[in-house]
PDB file of N, CA and C in Angstrom:
ATOM      1  N   MET A   1      -6.568 -16.945 -39.620  1.00  0.00           N
ATOM      2  CA  MET A   1      -5.035 -16.007 -39.775  1.00  0.00           C
ATOM      3  C   MET A   1      -5.034 -15.252 -38.491  1.00  0.00           C
ATOM      4  N   ILE A   2      -6.050 -15.140 -37.697  1.00  0.00           N
ATOM      5  CA  ILE A   2      -6.158 -14.212 -36.492  1.00  0.00           C
ATOM      6  C   ILE A   2      -5.198 -14.945 -35.457  1.00  0.00           C
ATOM      7  N   ILE A   3      -5.316 -16.412 -35.333  1.00  0.00           N
ATOM      8  CA  ILE A   3      -4.934 -17.058 -34.022  1.00  0.00           C
ATOM      9  C   ILE A   3      -3.299 -17.053 -34.411  1.00  0.00           C
ATOM     10  N   ILE A   4      -2.880 -17.379 -35.789  1.00  0.00           N
ATOM     11  CA  ILE A   4      -1.417 -17.205 -36.315  1.00  0.00           C
ATOM     12  C   ILE A   4      -0.824 -16.114 -35.824  1.00  0.00           C
ATOM     13  N   SER A   5      -1.498 -15.241 -36.069  1.00  0.00           N
ATOM     14  CA  SER A   5      -0.945 -13.478 -35.784  1.00  0.00           C
ATOM     15  C   SER A   5      -0.739 -13.555 -34.264  1.00  0.00           C
ATOM     16  N   ILE A   6      -1.740 -13.821 -33.429  1.00  0.00           N
ATOM     17  CA  ILE A   6      -1.729 -13.719 -31.911  1.00  0.00           C
ATOM     18  C   ILE A   6      -0.340 -14.514 -31.765  1.00  0.00           C
ATOM     19  N   ILE A   7      -0.123 -15.744 -32.542  1.00  0.00           N
ATOM     20  CA  ILE A   7       0.745 -16.492 -31.778  1.00  0.00           C
ATOM     21  C   ILE A   7       2.218 -15.927 -32.098  1.00  0.00           C
ATOM     22  N   LEU A   8       2.495 -15.409 -33.482  1.00  0.00           N
ATOM     23  CA  LEU A   8       3.588 -14.878 -33.939  1.00  0.00           C
ATOM     24  C   LEU A   8       3.996 -13.691 -32.999  1.00  0.00           C
ATOM     25  N   VAL A   9       2.686 -12.852 -32.696  1.00  0.00           N
ATOM     26  CA  VAL A   9       3.355 -11.727 -32.171  1.00  0.00           C
ATOM     27  C   VAL A   9       3.657 -12.063 -30.564  1.00  0.00           C
ATOM     28  N   SER A  10       2.937 -12.955 -30.329  1.00  0.00           N
ATOM     29  CA  SER A  10       3.235 -13.469 -28.795  1.00  0.00           C
ATOM     30  C   SER A  10       4.773 -13.946 -28.735  1.00  0.00           C
ATOM     31  N   ILE A  11       5.014 -14.723 -29.733  1.00  0.00           N
ATOM     32  CA  ILE A  11       6.488 -15.079 -29.789  1.00  0.00           C
ATOM     33  C   ILE A  11       7.501 -13.913 -29.943  1.00  0.00           C
ATOM     34  N   VAL A  12       7.007 -13.355 -30.700  1.00  0.00           N
ATOM     35  CA  VAL A  12       8.003 -11.769 -30.991  1.00  0.00           C
ATOM     36  C   VAL A  12       8.127 -11.214 -29.454  1.00  0.00           C
ATOM     37  N   ALA A  13       7.018 -11.059 -28.790  1.00  0.00           N
ATOM     38  CA  ALA A  13       7.188 -10.378 -27.495  1.00  0.00           C
ATOM     39  C   ALA A  13       7.826 -11.077 -26.477  1.00  0.00           C
ATOM     40  N   LEU A  14       7.656 -12.488 -26.588  1.00  0.00           N
ATOM     41  CA  LEU A  14       8.647 -13.292 -25.623  1.00  0.00           C
ATOM     42  C   LEU A  14      10.011 -13.275 -26.080  1.00  0.00           C
ATOM     43  N   LEU A  15      10.290 -13.301 -27.277  1.00  0.00           N
ATOM     44  CA  LEU A  15      11.740 -13.192 -27.763  1.00  0.00           C
ATOM     45  C   LEU A  15      12.155 -11.994 -27.363  1.00  0.00           C
ATOM     46  N   HIS A  16      11.677 -10.748 -27.063  1.00  0.00           N
ATOM     47  CA  HIS A  16      12.105  -9.543 -26.563  1.00  0.00           C
ATOM     48  C   HIS A  16      12.206  -9.513 -24.872  1.00  0.00           C
ATOM     49  N   ILE A  17      11.371 -10.119 -24.518  1.00  0.00           N
ATOM     50  CA  ILE A  17      11.582 -10.346 -23.121  1.00  0.00           C
ATOM     51  C   ILE A  17      12.737 -11.377 -22.671  1.00  0.00           C
ATOM     52  N   TYR A  18      13.070 -12.271 -23.444  1.00  0.00           N
ATOM     53  CA  TYR A  18      14.464 -13.275 -23.429  1.00  0.00           C
ATOM     54  C   TYR A  18      15.562 -12.087 -23.933  1.00  0.00           C
ATOM     55  N   PHE A  19      15.430 -11.309 -24.817  1.00  0.00           N
ATOM     56  CA  PHE A  19      16.489 -10.384 -24.844  1.00  0.00           C
ATOM     57  C   PHE A  19      17.072  -9.515 -23.747  1.00  0.00           C
ATOM     58  N   LEU A  20      15.634  -8.880 -22.996  1.00  0.00           N
ATOM     59  CA  LEU A  20      15.800  -8.108 -21.883  1.00  0.00           C
ATOM     60  C   LEU A  20      16.562  -8.743 -20.852  1.00  0.00           C
ATOM     61  N   VAL A  21      16.449 -10.063 -20.503  1.00  0.00           N
ATOM     62  CA  VAL A  21      16.839 -10.609 -19.573  1.00  0.00           C
ATOM     63  C   VAL A  21      18.273 -11.053 -19.842  1.00  0.00           C
ATOM     64  N   LEU A  22      18.717 -11.440 -21.098  1.00  0.00           N
ATOM     65  CA  LEU A  22      19.894 -11.803 -21.411  1.00  0.00           C
ATOM     66  C   LEU A  22      20.785 -10.454 -21.322  1.00  0.00           C
ATOM     67  N   GLU A  23      20.405  -9.295 -21.841  1.00  0.00           N
ATOM     68  CA  GLU A  23      21.367  -7.849 -21.813  1.00  0.00           C
ATOM     69  C   GLU A  23      21.206  -7.609 -20.276  1.00  0.00           C
ATOM     70  N   MET A  24      20.097  -7.555 -19.829  1.00  0.00           N
ATOM     71  CA  MET A  24      20.150  -6.855 -18.195  1.00  0.00           C
ATOM     72  C   MET A  24      20.862  -7.517 -17.108  1.00  0.00           C
ATOM     73  N   PHE A  25      20.295  -8.794 -17.244  1.00  0.00           N
ATOM     74  CA  PHE A  25      20.617  -9.737 -15.906  1.00  0.00           C
ATOM     75  C   PHE A  25      21.734 -10.777 -16.424  1.00  0.00           C
ATOM     76  N   LEU A  26      21.827 -11.347 -17.366  1.00  0.00           N
ATOM     77  CA  LEU A  26      23.018 -12.226 -17.701  1.00  0.00           C
ATOM     78  C   LEU A  26      24.164 -11.770 -18.638  1.00  0.00           C
ATOM     79  N   TRP A  27      24.292 -10.776 -18.930  1.00  0.00           N
ATOM     80  CA  TRP A  27      25.184 -10.221 -19.687  1.00  0.00           C
ATOM     81  C   TRP A  27      26.722 -10.478 -19.553  1.00  0.00           C
ATOM     82  N   GLY A  28      27.061 -10.323 -18.007  1.00  0.00           N
ATOM     83  CA  GLY A  28      28.446 -10.925 -17.571  1.00  0.00           C
ATOM     84  C   GLY A  28      28.476 -12.184 -17.070  1.00  0.00           C
ATOM     85  N   ARG A  29      27.239 -12.871 -16.844  1.00  0.00           N
ATOM     86  CA  ARG A  29      27.304 -14.102 -16.530  1.00  0.00           C
ATOM     87  C   ARG A  29      27.590 -15.204 -17.399  1.00  0.00           C
ATOM     88  N   PRO A  30      28.082 -16.575 -17.173  1.00  0.00           N
ATOM     89  CA  PRO A  30      28.661 -17.411 -18.451  1.00  0.00           C
ATOM     90  C   PRO A  30      27.622 -17.646 -19.190  1.00  0.00           C
ATOM     91  N   PHE A  31      26.375 -17.683 -19.060  1.00  0.00           N
ATOM     92  CA  PHE A  31      25.437 -17.805 -20.479  1.00  0.00           C
ATOM     93  C   PHE A  31      25.192 -16.783 -21.295  1.00  0.00           C
ATOM     94  N   GLY A  32      25.228 -15.537 -20.653  1.00  0.00           N
ATOM     95  CA  GLY A  32      25.447 -14.344 -21.553  1.00  0.00           C
ATOM     96  C   GLY A  32      26.619 -14.124 -22.079  1.00  0.00           C
ATOM     97  N   LEU A  33      27.867 -14.401 -21.783  1.00  0.00           N
ATOM     98  CA  LEU A  33      29.225 -14.285 -22.103  1.00  0.00           C
ATOM     99  C   LEU A  33      29.432 -15.341 -23.445  1.00  0.00           C
ATOM    100  N   LYS A  34      28.631 -16.780 -23.206  1.00  0.00           N
ATOM    101  CA  LYS A  34      28.506 -17.432 -24.185  1.00  0.00           C
ATOM    102  C   LYS A  34      27.741 -17.159 -25.188  1.00  0.00           C
ATOM    103  N   THR A  35      26.512 -16.822 -25.107  1.00  0.00           N
ATOM    104  CA  THR A  35      25.522 -16.470 -25.960  1.00  0.00           C
ATOM    105  C   THR A  35      26.142 -15.185 -26.788  1.00  0.00           C
ATOM    106  N   PHE A  36      26.697 -14.226 -26.190  1.00  0.00           N
ATOM    107  CA  PHE A  36      27.245 -13.498 -27.105  1.00  0.00           C
ATOM    108  C   PHE A  36      28.669 -13.514 -27.635  1.00  0.00           C
ATOM    109  N   GLY A  37      29.348 -14.333 -27.172  1.00  0.00           N
ATOM    110  CA  GLY A  37      30.446 -14.411 -27.495  1.00  0.00           C
ATOM    111  C   GLY A  37      31.582 -13.336 -27.382  1.00  0.00           C
ATOM    112  N   ILE A  38      31.390 -13.081 -25.854  1.00  0.00           N
ATOM    113  CA  ILE A  38      32.347 -11.879 -25.286  1.00  0.00           C
ATOM    114  C   ILE A  38      33.020 -12.338 -24.129  1.00  0.00           C
ATOM    115  N   THR A  39      33.994 -11.532 -23.850  1.00  0.00           N
ATOM    116  CA  THR A  39      34.804 -11.785 -22.731  1.00  0.00           C
ATOM    117  C   THR A  39      34.490 -11.086 -21.421  1.00  0.00           C
ATOM    118  N   THR A  40      34.711 -11.633 -20.267  1.00  0.00           N
ATOM    119  CA  THR A  40      34.459 -10.933 -18.802  1.00  0.00           C
ATOM    120  C   THR A  40      34.873  -9.665 -18.994  1.00  0.00           C
ATOM    121  N   GLU A  41      35.733  -9.107 -19.402  1.00  0.00           N
ATOM    122  CA  GLU A  41      36.299  -7.877 -19.695  1.00  0.00           C
ATOM    123  C   GLU A  41      35.440  -6.676 -20.318  1.00  0.00           C
ATOM    124  N   PHE A  42      35.016  -7.408 -21.593  1.00  0.00           N
ATOM    125  CA  PHE A  42      34.264  -6.705 -22.390  1.00  0.00           C
ATOM    126  C   PHE A  42      32.788  -6.349 -21.724  1.00  0.00           C
ATOM    127  N   ALA A  43      32.528  -7.211 -21.389  1.00  0.00           N
ATOM    128  CA  ALA A  43      31.180  -7.369 -20.311  1.00  0.00           C
ATOM    129  C   ALA A  43      31.078  -6.509 -19.694  1.00  0.00           C
ATOM    130  N   ALA A  44      32.054  -6.396 -18.666  1.00  0.00           N
ATOM    131  CA  ALA A  44      32.325  -5.525 -17.404  1.00  0.00           C
ATOM    132  C   ALA A  44      32.219  -4.035 -17.964  1.00  0.00           C
ATOM    133  N   ALA A  45      32.903  -3.631 -18.856  1.00  0.00           N
ATOM    134  CA  ALA A  45      33.024  -2.466 -19.823  1.00  0.00           C
ATOM    135  C   ALA A  45      31.789  -1.911 -20.490  1.00  0.00           C
ATOM    136  N   THR A  46      30.953  -3.013 -20.770  1.00  0.00           N
ATOM    137  CA  THR A  46      29.698  -2.582 -21.619  1.00  0.00           C
ATOM    138  C   THR A  46      28.471  -2.880 -21.044  1.00  0.00           C
ATOM    139  N   LYS A  47      28.496  -3.139 -19.615  1.00  0.00           N
ATOM    140  CA  LYS A  47      27.503  -3.562 -18.587  1.00  0.00           C
ATOM    141  C   LYS A  47      26.209  -2.621 -18.913  1.00  0.00           C
ATOM    142  N   SER A  48      26.554  -1.262 -18.589  1.00  0.00           N
ATOM    143  CA  SER A  48      25.434  -0.377 -18.755  1.00  0.00           C
ATOM    144  C   SER A  48      25.015   0.196 -20.074  1.00  0.00           C
ATOM    145  N   LEU A  49      25.852  -0.284 -21.419  1.00  0.00           N
ATOM    146  CA  LEU A  49      25.016  -0.190 -22.628  1.00  0.00           C
ATOM    147  C   LEU A  49      24.157  -1.515 -23.036  1.00  0.00           C
ATOM    148  N   ALA A  50      24.596  -2.244 -22.454  1.00  0.00           N
ATOM    149  CA  ALA A  50      23.688  -3.694 -22.563  1.00  0.00           C
ATOM    150  C   ALA A  50      22.238  -3.587 -21.693  1.00  0.00           C
ATOM    151  N   SER A  51      22.700  -3.038 -20.610  1.00  0.00           N
ATOM    152  CA  SER A  51      21.154  -2.766 -19.807  1.00  0.00           C
ATOM    153  C   SER A  51      20.559  -1.821 -20.384  1.00  0.00           C
ATOM    154  N   ASN A  52      20.803  -0.721 -20.970  1.00  0.00           N
ATOM    155  CA  ASN A  52      20.132   0.098 -21.785  1.00  0.00           C
ATOM    156  C   ASN A  52      19.474  -0.710 -22.909  1.00  0.00           C
ATOM    157  N   GLN A  53      20.185  -1.130 -23.641  1.00  0.00           N
ATOM    158  CA  GLN A  53      19.757  -1.941 -24.810  1.00  0.00           C
ATOM    159  C   GLN A  53      18.646  -3.051 -24.590  1.00  0.00           C
ATOM    160  N   GLY A  54      18.868  -3.570 -23.163  1.00  0.00           N
ATOM    161  CA  GLY A  54      17.635  -4.811 -22.907  1.00  0.00           C
ATOM    162  C   GLY A  54      16.478  -4.109 -22.488  1.00  0.00           C
ATOM    163  N   LEU A  55      16.520  -2.557 -21.893  1.00  0.00           N
ATOM    164  CA  LEU A  55      15.644  -2.011 -21.204  1.00  0.00           C
ATOM    165  C   LEU A  55      14.346  -1.767 -22.756  1.00  0.00           C
ATOM    166  N   TYR A  56      15.353  -1.291 -23.706  1.00  0.00           N
ATOM    167  CA  TYR A  56      14.394  -0.734 -25.226  1.00  0.00           C
ATOM    168  C   TYR A  56      13.841  -2.387 -25.576  1.00  0.00           C
ATOM    169  N   ASN A  57      14.469  -3.274 -25.517  1.00  0.00           N
ATOM    170  CA  ASN A  57      13.671  -4.545 -25.673  1.00  0.00           C
ATOM    171  C   ASN A  57      12.811  -5.024 -25.133  1.00  0.00           C
ATOM    172  N   GLY A  58      12.612  -4.602 -23.866  1.00  0.00           N
ATOM    173  CA  GLY A  58      11.500  -4.413 -22.865  1.00  0.00           C
ATOM    174  C   GLY A  58      10.318  -3.535 -23.415  1.00  0.00           C
ATOM    175  N   PHE A  59      10.961  -2.466 -23.640  1.00  0.00           N
ATOM    176  CA  PHE A  59       9.454  -1.646 -24.363  1.00  0.00           C
ATOM    177  C   PHE A  59       8.993  -2.198 -25.393  1.00  0.00           C
ATOM    178  N   LEU A  60       9.769  -2.840 -26.340  1.00  0.00           N
ATOM    179  CA  LEU A  60       9.217  -3.576 -27.351  1.00  0.00           C
ATOM    180  C   LEU A  60       8.077  -4.322 -27.301  1.00  0.00           C
ATOM    181  N   ALA A  61       8.576  -5.488 -26.114  1.00  0.00           N
ATOM    182  CA  ALA A  61       7.579  -6.509 -25.911  1.00  0.00           C
ATOM    183  C   ALA A  61       6.384  -5.817 -24.893  1.00  0.00           C
ATOM    184  N   ALA A  62       6.539  -4.840 -24.132  1.00  0.00           N
ATOM    185  CA  ALA A  62       5.484  -4.381 -23.551  1.00  0.00           C
ATOM    186  C   ALA A  62       4.560  -3.909 -24.433  1.00  0.00           C
ATOM    187  N   GLY A  63       5.017  -3.160 -25.740  1.00  0.00           N
ATOM    188  CA  GLY A  63       3.871  -2.729 -26.511  1.00  0.00           C
ATOM    189  C   GLY A  63       3.474  -3.977 -27.243  1.00  0.00           C
ATOM    190  N   LEU A  64       4.122  -4.781 -27.436  1.00  0.00           N
ATOM    191  CA  LEU A  64       3.299  -5.671 -28.248  1.00  0.00           C
ATOM    192  C   LEU A  64       2.391  -6.620 -27.404  1.00  0.00           C
ATOM    193  N   VAL A  65       2.762  -6.766 -26.109  1.00  0.00           N
ATOM    194  CA  VAL A  65       1.541  -7.082 -25.329  1.00  0.00           C
ATOM    195  C   VAL A  65       0.569  -6.536 -25.080  1.00  0.00           C
ATOM    196  N   TRP A  66       0.548  -4.962 -24.890  1.00  0.00           N
ATOM    197  CA  TRP A  66      -0.529  -3.862 -25.128  1.00  0.00           C
ATOM    198  C   TRP A  66      -1.263  -4.309 -26.151  1.00  0.00           C
ATOM    199  N   GLY A  67      -0.941  -4.423 -27.344  1.00  0.00           N
ATOM    200  CA  GLY A  67      -1.408  -4.490 -28.334  1.00  0.00           C
ATOM    201  C   GLY A  67      -2.053  -6.000 -28.488  1.00  0.00           C
ATOM    202  N   LEU A  68      -1.739  -6.964 -27.859  1.00  0.00           N
ATOM    203  CA  LEU A  68      -2.555  -8.246 -27.992  1.00  0.00           C
ATOM    204  C   LEU A  68      -3.454  -8.237 -26.826  1.00  0.00           C
ATOM    205  N   ILE A  69      -3.324  -7.490 -25.473  1.00  0.00           N
ATOM    206  CA  ILE A  69      -4.331  -7.335 -24.379  1.00  0.00           C
ATOM    207  C   ILE A  69      -5.677  -6.692 -25.154  1.00  0.00           C
ATOM    208  N   LEU A  70      -5.271  -5.680 -26.128  1.00  0.00           N
ATOM    209  CA  LEU A  70      -6.558  -4.900 -26.696  1.00  0.00           C
ATOM    210  C   LEU A  70      -7.215  -5.853 -27.434  1.00  0.00           C
ATOM    211  N   GLY A  71      -6.699  -6.986 -28.067  1.00  0.00           N
ATOM    212  CA  GLY A  71      -7.762  -7.592 -29.149  1.00  0.00           C
ATOM    213  C   GLY A  71      -7.728  -7.148 -30.476  1.00  0.00           C
ATOM    214  N   MET A  72      -8.890  -6.999 -30.868  1.00  0.00           N
ATOM    215  CA  MET A  72      -9.119  -6.370 -32.224  1.00  0.00           C
ATOM    216  C   MET A  72      -8.737  -4.856 -32.241  1.00  0.00           C
ATOM    217  N   ASP A  73      -8.995  -4.278 -31.232  1.00  0.00           N
ATOM    218  CA  ASP A  73      -8.309  -2.843 -31.144  1.00  0.00           C
ATOM    219  C   ASP A  73      -6.990  -2.482 -31.143  1.00  0.00           C
ATOM    220  N   GLY A  74      -6.258  -3.572 -31.102  1.00  0.00           N
ATOM    221  CA  GLY A  74      -4.826  -3.241 -30.720  1.00  0.00           C
ATOM    222  C   GLY A  74      -3.816  -3.562 -31.909  1.00  0.00           C
ATOM    223  N   HIS A  75      -4.408  -4.126 -32.994  1.00  0.00           N
ATOM    224  CA  HIS A  75      -3.698  -4.296 -34.274  1.00  0.00           C
ATOM    225  C   HIS A  75      -2.788  -3.059 -34.724  1.00  0.00           C
ATOM    226  N   THR A  76      -3.457  -1.598 -34.587  1.00  0.00           N
ATOM    227  CA  THR A  76      -2.599  -0.615 -35.190  1.00  0.00           C
ATOM    228  C   THR A  76      -1.273  -0.542 -34.107  1.00  0.00           C
ATOM    229  N   ILE A  77      -1.470  -0.956 -32.822  1.00  0.00           N
ATOM    230  CA  ILE A  77      -0.382  -0.958 -31.774  1.00  0.00           C
ATOM    231  C   ILE A  77       0.668  -2.008 -32.189  1.00  0.00           C
ATOM    232  N   GLU A  78       0.230  -3.155 -32.480  1.00  0.00           N
ATOM    233  CA  GLU A  78       0.990  -4.087 -32.994  1.00  0.00           C
ATOM    234  C   GLU A  78       1.907  -3.702 -34.391  1.00  0.00           C
ATOM    235  N   ILE A  79       1.022  -3.342 -34.892  1.00  0.00           N
ATOM    236  CA  ILE A  79       1.844  -3.086 -36.140  1.00  0.00           C
ATOM    237  C   ILE A  79       2.947  -1.895 -35.923  1.00  0.00           C
ATOM    238  N   PHE A  80       2.621  -0.968 -35.568  1.00  0.00           N
ATOM    239  CA  PHE A  80       3.840   0.084 -34.855  1.00  0.00           C
ATOM    240  C   PHE A  80       4.876  -0.571 -34.223  1.00  0.00           C
ATOM    241  N   PHE A  81       4.675  -1.186 -33.023  1.00  0.00           N
ATOM    242  CA  PHE A  81       5.717  -2.080 -32.288  1.00  0.00           C
ATOM    243  C   PHE A  81       6.394  -2.958 -33.381  1.00  0.00           C
ATOM    244  N   LEU A  82       5.832  -3.856 -33.845  1.00  0.00           N
ATOM    245  CA  LEU A  82       6.473  -4.774 -35.309  1.00  0.00           C
ATOM    246  C   LEU A  82       7.280  -4.090 -36.097  1.00  0.00           C
ATOM    247  N   CYS A  83       6.901  -2.902 -36.594  1.00  0.00           N
ATOM    248  CA  CYS A  83       7.758  -2.272 -37.215  1.00  0.00           C
ATOM    249  C   CYS A  83       9.071  -1.658 -36.590  1.00  0.00           C
ATOM    250  N   CYS A  84       8.861  -1.188 -35.272  1.00  0.00           N
ATOM    251  CA  CYS A  84       9.959  -1.090 -34.492  1.00  0.00           C
ATOM    252  C   CYS A  84      10.927  -1.934 -34.450  1.00  0.00           C
ATOM    253  N   VAL A  85      10.407  -3.489 -34.032  1.00  0.00           N
ATOM    254  CA  VAL A  85      11.343  -4.698 -33.858  1.00  0.00           C
ATOM    255  C   VAL A  85      12.119  -5.096 -35.510  1.00  0.00           C
ATOM    256  N   ILE A  86      11.165  -4.813 -36.509  1.00  0.00           N
ATOM    257  CA  ILE A  86      12.212  -4.855 -37.606  1.00  0.00           C
ATOM    258  C   ILE A  86      12.995  -3.949 -37.903  1.00  0.00           C
ATOM    259  N   ILE A  87      12.849  -2.457 -37.781  1.00  0.00           N
ATOM    260  CA  ILE A  87      13.897  -1.472 -38.068  1.00  0.00           C
ATOM    261  C   ILE A  87      15.095  -1.867 -36.917  1.00  0.00           C
ATOM    262  N   ALA A  88      14.767  -2.173 -35.528  1.00  0.00           N
ATOM    263  CA  ALA A  88      15.976  -2.281 -34.857  1.00  0.00           C
ATOM    264  C   ALA A  88      16.600  -3.616 -35.389  1.00  0.00           C
ATOM    265  N   GLY A  89      15.861  -4.562 -35.872  1.00  0.00           N
ATOM    266  CA  GLY A  89      16.554  -6.115 -36.255  1.00  0.00           C
ATOM    267  C   GLY A  89      17.896  -5.575 -37.616  1.00  0.00           C
ATOM    268  N   VAL A  90      17.058  -4.819 -38.433  1.00  0.00           N
ATOM    269  CA  VAL A  90      17.825  -4.394 -39.498  1.00  0.00           C
ATOM    270  C   VAL A  90      19.060  -3.678 -39.039  1.00  0.00           C
ATOM    271  N   PHE A  91      18.857  -2.629 -38.144  1.00  0.00           N
ATOM    272  CA  PHE A  91      19.899  -1.936 -37.990  1.00  0.00           C
ATOM    273  C   PHE A  91      20.831  -2.788 -37.206  1.00  0.00           C
ATOM    274  N   GLY A  92      20.566  -3.626 -36.289  1.00  0.00           N
ATOM    275  CA  GLY A  92      21.476  -4.398 -35.499  1.00  0.00           C
ATOM    276  C   GLY A  92      22.151  -5.262 -36.520  1.00  0.00           C
ATOM    277  N   ALA A  93      21.484  -5.972 -37.542  1.00  0.00           N
ATOM    278  CA  ALA A  93      22.290  -6.516 -38.450  1.00  0.00           C
ATOM    279  C   ALA A  93      23.344  -5.772 -39.356  1.00  0.00           C
ATOM    280  N   ILE A  94      23.038  -4.664 -39.401  1.00  0.00           N
ATOM    281  CA  ILE A  94      24.120  -3.938 -40.370  1.00  0.00           C
ATOM    282  C   ILE A  94      24.962  -3.387 -39.533  1.00  0.00           C
ATOM    283  N   THR A  95      24.761  -2.969 -38.117  1.00  0.00           N
ATOM    284  CA  THR A  95      25.890  -2.575 -37.215  1.00  0.00           C
ATOM    285  C   THR A  95      26.508  -3.298 -36.352  1.00  0.00           C
ATOM    286  N   ALA A  96      26.004  -4.388 -35.992  1.00  0.00           N
ATOM    287  CA  ALA A  96      26.449  -5.403 -35.060  1.00  0.00           C
ATOM    288  C   ALA A  96      26.789  -6.846 -35.442  1.00  0.00           C
ATOM    289  N   ASN A  97      25.794  -7.399 -36.039  1.00  0.00           N
ATOM    290  CA  ASN A  97      25.871  -9.000 -36.299  1.00  0.00           C
ATOM    291  C   ASN A  97      24.766  -9.367 -37.213  1.00  0.00           C
ATOM    292  N   ARG A  98      25.131 -10.131 -38.325  1.00  0.00           N
ATOM    293  CA  ARG A  98      24.212 -10.490 -39.253  1.00  0.00           C
ATOM    294  C   ARG A  98      22.818 -11.253 -38.766  1.00  0.00           C
ATOM    295  N   LYS A  99      23.235 -12.150 -37.761  1.00  0.00           N
ATOM    296  CA  LYS A  99      22.449 -13.059 -37.300  1.00  0.00           C
ATOM    297  C   LYS A  99      21.011 -12.271 -36.777  1.00  0.00           C
ATOM    298  N   ILE A 100      21.325 -11.206 -36.492  1.00  0.00           N
ATOM    299  CA  ILE A 100      20.275 -10.026 -35.728  1.00  0.00           C
ATOM    300  C   ILE A 100      19.017 -10.220 -36.536  1.00  0.00           C
ATOM    301  N   LEU A 101      19.363 -10.144 -37.934  1.00  0.00           N
ATOM    302  CA  LEU A 101      18.469 -10.020 -39.056  1.00  0.00           C
ATOM    303  C   LEU A 101      17.519 -11.311 -39.159  1.00  0.00           C
ATOM    304  N   TRP A 102      17.970 -12.501 -38.807  1.00  0.00           N
ATOM    305  CA  TRP A 102      17.326 -13.735 -38.705  1.00  0.00           C
ATOM    306  C   TRP A 102      16.465 -13.632 -37.285  1.00  0.00           C
ATOM    307  N   ILE A 103      17.129 -13.326 -36.403  1.00  0.00           N
ATOM    308  CA  ILE A 103      16.695 -13.755 -35.037  1.00  0.00           C
ATOM    309  C   ILE A 103      15.558 -12.695 -34.496  1.00  0.00           C
ATOM    310  N   GLN A 104      15.840 -11.434 -34.910  1.00  0.00           N
ATOM    311  CA  GLN A 104      14.711 -10.466 -34.468  1.00  0.00           C
ATOM    312  C   GLN A 104      13.887  -9.951 -35.677  1.00  0.00           C
ATOM    313  N   ALA A 105      14.659  -9.295 -36.879  1.00  0.00           N
ATOM    314  CA  ALA A 105      13.790  -8.737 -38.001  1.00  0.00           C
ATOM    315  C   ALA A 105      12.904  -9.743 -38.646  1.00  0.00           C
ATOM    316  N   LEU A 106      13.330 -10.822 -38.786  1.00  0.00           N
ATOM    317  CA  LEU A 106      12.389 -11.926 -39.693  1.00  0.00           C
ATOM    318  C   LEU A 106      11.258 -12.525 -38.832  1.00  0.00           C
ATOM    319  N   PRO A 107      11.418 -12.946 -37.538  1.00  0.00           N
ATOM    320  CA  PRO A 107      10.092 -13.013 -36.646  1.00  0.00           C
ATOM    321  C   PRO A 107       9.321 -11.922 -36.681  1.00  0.00           C
ATOM    322  N   GLY A 108       9.844 -10.664 -36.538  1.00  0.00           N
ATOM    323  CA  GLY A 108       8.703  -9.663 -36.714  1.00  0.00           C
ATOM    324  C   GLY A 108       7.912  -9.283 -37.861  1.00  0.00           C
ATOM    325  N   ALA A 109       9.046  -9.185 -39.022  1.00  0.00           N
ATOM    326  CA  ALA A 109       8.319  -9.167 -40.094  1.00  0.00           C
ATOM    327  C   ALA A 109       7.301 -10.503 -40.572  1.00  0.00           C
ATOM    328  N   LEU A 110       7.521 -11.836 -40.074  1.00  0.00           N
ATOM    329  CA  LEU A 110       6.541 -12.995 -40.194  1.00  0.00           C
ATOM    330  C   LEU A 110       5.163 -12.304 -39.531  1.00  0.00           C
ATOM    331  N   ALA A 111       5.504 -12.010 -38.310  1.00  0.00           N
ATOM    332  CA  ALA A 111       4.417 -11.216 -37.421  1.00  0.00           C
ATOM    333  C   ALA A 111       3.474 -10.153 -38.013  1.00  0.00           C
ATOM    334  N   LEU A 112       4.364  -9.481 -38.584  1.00  0.00           N
ATOM    335  CA  LEU A 112       3.511  -7.888 -39.108  1.00  0.00           C
ATOM    336  C   LEU A 112       2.853  -8.623 -40.340  1.00  0.00           C
ATOM    337  N   VAL A 113       3.506  -9.319 -41.135  1.00  0.00           N
ATOM    338  CA  VAL A 113       2.500  -9.765 -42.474  1.00  0.00           C
ATOM    339  C   VAL A 113       1.187 -10.525 -41.866  1.00  0.00           C
ATOM    340  N   THR A 114       1.135 -11.378 -40.778  1.00  0.00           N
ATOM    341  CA  THR A 114      -0.067 -12.061 -40.529  1.00  0.00           C
ATOM    342  C   THR A 114      -0.767 -11.006 -39.990  1.00  0.00           C
ATOM    343  N   VAL A 115      -0.466  -9.968 -39.016  1.00  0.00           N
ATOM    344  CA  VAL A 115      -1.088  -9.011 -38.226  1.00  0.00           C
ATOM    345  C   VAL A 115      -1.988  -8.495 -39.571  1.00  0.00           C
ATOM    346  N   VAL A 116      -1.191  -7.637 -40.514  1.00  0.00           N
ATOM    347  CA  VAL A 116      -1.885  -7.067 -41.634  1.00  0.00           C
ATOM    348  C   VAL A 116      -3.051  -7.850 -42.232  1.00  0.00           C
ATOM    349  N   ILE A 117      -2.784  -9.114 -42.808  1.00  0.00           N
ATOM    350  CA  ILE A 117      -3.521  -9.770 -43.269  1.00  0.00           C
ATOM    351  C   ILE A 117      -5.019 -10.304 -42.527  1.00  0.00           C
ATOM    352  N   SER A 118      -4.536 -10.450 -41.199  1.00  0.00           N
ATOM    353  CA  SER A 118      -5.858 -10.737 -40.601  1.00  0.00           C
ATOM    354  C   SER A 118      -6.611  -9.745 -40.200  1.00  0.00           C
ATOM    355  N   TYR A 119      -6.254  -8.354 -40.091  1.00  0.00           N
ATOM    356  CA  TYR A 119      -7.020  -6.911 -39.792  1.00  0.00           C
ATOM    357  C   TYR A 119      -7.377  -6.378 -40.700  1.00  0.00           C
ATOM    358  N   TYR A 120      -7.145  -6.630 -42.126  1.00  0.00           N
ATOM    359  CA  TYR A 120      -7.442  -5.783 -42.922  1.00  0.00           C
ATOM    360  C   TYR A 120      -7.998  -6.465 -44.325  1.00  0.00           C
TER     361      TYR A 120
END
């Protein structure tokens, strides 16, 4: 189960690095516009907001990577950051788009369950 938890936490961290890239660097580009279903005008008006959101996703990824690097000593860090991921995903699903529940919160919850089972 430890290997599964490492894999799932790694996937969640990679997802958040992907979100960072999308929101900070691709927001106004064709791929970002298509991914988020937004117009060029909306992207231009909200670029700084998206960049800020991307930065937060980067912090989530960094925290998960930090926990992974620490190995057995990093499980509490992983639990904390996975809880942050889940809360952000639930909030995003309520306030922005329900797909966020499945794209962000569900992977975080699955990873959290495996971390808790693996280390306790």
